[in-house]
C-alpha atoms as a PDB file:
ATOM      1  CA  MET A   1      67.093 140.310 142.912  1.00  0.00           C
ATOM      2  CA  MET A   2      65.476 143.580 142.119  1.00  0.00           C
ATOM      3  CA  LEU A   3      65.124 144.284 138.409  1.00  0.00           C
ATOM      4  CA  LEU A   4      66.484 147.623 137.294  1.00  0.00           C
ATOM      5  CA  CYS A   5      64.970 149.619 134.603  1.00  0.00           C
ATOM      6  CA  LEU A   6      67.408 152.250 133.254  1.00  0.00           C
ATOM      7  CA  PHE A   7      66.357 155.224 131.256  1.00  0.00           C
ATOM      8  CA  LEU A   8      68.852 157.743 130.303  1.00  0.00           C
ATOM      9  CA  LEU A   9      68.415 161.013 128.611  1.00  0.00           C
ATOM     10  CA  PHE A  10      71.197 161.420 126.050  1.00  0.00           C
ATOM     11  CA  SER A  11      72.146 164.691 124.550  1.00  0.00           C
ATOM     12  CA  LYS A  12      74.899 165.768 122.367  1.00  0.00           C
ATOM     13  CA  MET A  13      76.746 169.020 121.975  1.00  0.00           C
ATOM     14  CA  VAL A  14      78.166 169.849 118.549  1.00  0.00           C
ATOM     15  CA  ASP A  15      80.253 172.995 118.042  1.00  0.00           C
ATOM     16  CA  LYS A  16      78.517 174.753 120.988  1.00  0.00           C
ATOM     17  CA  SER A  17      75.079 173.962 119.855  1.00  0.00           C
ATOM     18  CA  PHE A  18      72.635 171.291 121.268  1.00  0.00           C
ATOM     19  CA  GLN A  19      71.333 168.846 118.687  1.00  0.00           C
ATOM     20  CA  ASP A  20      69.280 165.706 118.902  1.00  0.00           C
ATOM     21  CA  GLU A  21      71.196 163.475 116.459  1.00  0.00           C
ATOM     22  CA  THR A  22      71.309 160.066 118.102  1.00  0.00           C
ATOM     23  CA  GLU A  23      69.296 156.774 117.847  1.00  0.00           C
ATOM     24  CA  SER A  24      68.967 154.673 120.927  1.00  0.00           C
ATOM     25  CA  LYS A  25      69.473 151.031 120.381  1.00  0.00           C
ATOM     26  CA  ALA A  26      66.896 150.276 123.097  1.00  0.00           C
ATOM     27  CA  ASP A  27      64.312 152.353 124.871  1.00  0.00           C
ATOM     28  CA  VAL A  28      64.635 150.490 128.065  1.00  0.00           C
ATOM     29  CA  VAL A  29      67.474 148.374 129.325  1.00  0.00           C
ATOM     30  CA  ASN A  30      66.853 145.816 132.190  1.00  0.00           C
ATOM     31  CA  GLY A  31      69.475 144.616 134.474  1.00  0.00           C
ATOM     32  CA  PHE A  32      69.891 143.134 137.938  1.00  0.00           C
ATOM     33  CA  GLU A  33      71.370 144.829 140.930  1.00  0.00           C
ATOM     34  CA  GLY A  34      75.081 144.181 141.044  1.00  0.00           C
ATOM     35  CA  SER A  35      75.294 143.307 137.295  1.00  0.00           C
ATOM     36  CA  ASN A  36      77.005 145.277 134.578  1.00  0.00           C
ATOM     37  CA  VAL A  37      74.702 147.113 132.072  1.00  0.00           C
ATOM     38  CA  SER A  38      75.678 148.840 128.776  1.00  0.00           C
ATOM     39  CA  LEU A  39      73.653 151.540 127.093  1.00  0.00           C
ATOM     40  CA  SER A  40      74.351 152.301 123.431  1.00  0.00           C
ATOM     41  CA  HIS A  41      73.451 155.062 121.108  1.00  0.00           C
ATOM     42  CA  ARG A  42      74.203 155.235 117.299  1.00  0.00           C
ATOM     43  CA  LEU A  43      75.354 158.671 116.189  1.00  0.00           C
ATOM     44  CA  THR A  44      74.048 160.314 112.993  1.00  0.00           C
ATOM     45  CA  ASP A  45      77.163 162.537 113.158  1.00  0.00           C
ATOM     46  CA  SER A  46      80.235 160.453 113.214  1.00  0.00           C
ATOM     47  CA  ASP A  47      82.535 162.923 114.857  1.00  0.00           C
ATOM     48  CA  PRO A  48      80.746 165.057 117.561  1.00  0.00           C
ATOM     49  CA  TYR A  49      82.606 167.513 119.623  1.00  0.00           C
ATOM     50  CA  SER A  50      81.318 166.186 122.897  1.00  0.00           C
ATOM     51  CA  LEU A  51      78.785 163.599 124.240  1.00  0.00           C
ATOM     52  CA  HIS A  52      76.921 164.326 127.464  1.00  0.00           C
ATOM     53  CA  TRP A  53      75.192 161.587 129.333  1.00  0.00           C
ATOM     54  CA  TYR A  54      72.278 162.480 131.733  1.00  0.00           C
ATOM     55  CA  ARG A  55      69.939 160.507 133.992  1.00  0.00           C
ATOM     56  CA  GLN A  56      66.487 161.781 134.673  1.00  0.00           C
ATOM     57  CA  TYR A  57      64.195 160.525 137.421  1.00  0.00           C
ATOM     58  CA  PRO A  58      60.314 161.098 137.023  1.00  0.00           C
ATOM     59  CA  ARG A  59      59.323 164.640 137.928  1.00  0.00           C
ATOM     60  CA  SER A  60      63.078 165.600 138.387  1.00  0.00           C
ATOM     61  CA  LYS A  61      65.659 167.566 136.531  1.00  0.00           C
ATOM     62  CA  PRO A  62      68.199 165.779 134.380  1.00  0.00           C
ATOM     63  CA  GLU A  63      71.246 164.737 136.345  1.00  0.00           C
ATOM     64  CA  PHE A  64      74.671 164.935 134.613  1.00  0.00           C
ATOM     65  CA  ILE A  65      76.534 161.640 134.659  1.00  0.00           C
ATOM     66  CA  ILE A  66      79.559 161.836 132.291  1.00  0.00           C
ATOM     67  CA  LEU A  67      81.188 163.863 129.414  1.00  0.00           C
ATOM     68  CA  LEU A  68      83.132 162.276 126.715  1.00  0.00           C
ATOM     69  CA  MET A  69      85.177 164.655 124.437  1.00  0.00           C
ATOM     70  CA  ARG A  70      86.016 164.118 120.790  1.00  0.00           C
ATOM     71  CA  ASN A  71      89.175 161.915 120.412  1.00  0.00           C
ATOM     72  CA  SER A  72      89.353 161.231 124.106  1.00  0.00           C
ATOM     73  CA  ALA A  73      90.152 157.884 125.623  1.00  0.00           C
ATOM     74  CA  PRO A  74      87.195 156.094 127.479  1.00  0.00           C
ATOM     75  CA  VAL A  75      86.183 158.265 130.398  1.00  0.00           C
ATOM     76  CA  LYS A  76      85.379 156.653 133.817  1.00  0.00           C
ATOM     77  CA  THR A  77      83.627 158.388 136.771  1.00  0.00           C
ATOM     78  CA  ASP A  78      83.078 157.376 140.445  1.00  0.00           C
ATOM     79  CA  GLY A  79      84.368 153.934 139.596  1.00  0.00           C
ATOM     80  CA  ARG A  80      81.129 152.735 138.028  1.00  0.00           C
ATOM     81  CA  PHE A  81      80.405 154.702 134.806  1.00  0.00           C
ATOM     82  CA  THR A  82      82.543 154.442 131.718  1.00  0.00           C
ATOM     83  CA  ALA A  83      81.786 156.170 128.333  1.00  0.00           C
ATOM     84  CA  LYS A  84      83.380 155.041 125.130  1.00  0.00           C
ATOM     85  CA  HIS A  85      83.093 156.472 121.640  1.00  0.00           C
ATOM     86  CA  ASP A  86      83.355 153.779 118.853  1.00  0.00           C
ATOM     87  CA  LYS A  87      84.117 155.706 115.611  1.00  0.00           C
ATOM     88  CA  GLN A  88      83.991 152.631 113.478  1.00  0.00           C
ATOM     89  CA  SER A  89      80.448 151.705 114.425  1.00  0.00           C
ATOM     90  CA  LYS A  90      79.555 155.423 114.860  1.00  0.00           C
ATOM     91  CA  SER A  91      78.164 154.714 118.325  1.00  0.00           C
ATOM     92  CA  VAL A  92      78.796 155.690 121.954  1.00  0.00           C
ATOM     93  CA  HIS A  93      78.453 153.369 124.935  1.00  0.00           C
ATOM     94  CA  LEU A  94      77.752 153.997 128.619  1.00  0.00           C
ATOM     95  CA  GLU A  95      78.797 151.128 130.722  1.00  0.00           C
ATOM     96  CA  ILE A  96      77.559 150.888 134.301  1.00  0.00           C
ATOM     97  CA  SER A  97      79.360 148.445 136.514  1.00  0.00           C
ATOM     98  CA  ASN A  98      77.789 146.991 139.668  1.00  0.00           C
ATOM     99  CA  ALA A  99      74.327 148.484 138.866  1.00  0.00           C
ATOM    100  CA  GLU A 100      72.452 149.859 141.944  1.00  0.00           C
ATOM    101  CA  VAL A 101      68.791 150.422 142.473  1.00  0.00           C
ATOM    102  CA  ALA A 102      69.653 154.096 142.522  1.00  0.00           C
ATOM    103  CA  ASP A 103      70.649 153.843 138.841  1.00  0.00           C
ATOM    104  CA  SER A 104      67.037 153.124 137.964  1.00  0.00           C
ATOM    105  CA  ALA A 105      64.954 155.943 136.446  1.00  0.00           C
END
């Protein structure tokens, strides 16, 4: 199986201003094609207005993946990406089901 290296650019918007107030739990997450992969970030602000997940390929612009709004239920897109905000642990998780080679960055 081909090994996937997933790199995601994570940015957060708070009250209409962009701020870099997250800490990645891992710089690189490895997974196999067809497996489920979870990416996590710890928030320094426990209640952000919104969380934006992006993927960026080398020499390319960031590509929007998913938006999670404050107090919203877990958000799912295209059947494979799910974003969850865990207020208790002050973290946000992006879960990728059935990882594909195209998810690599």
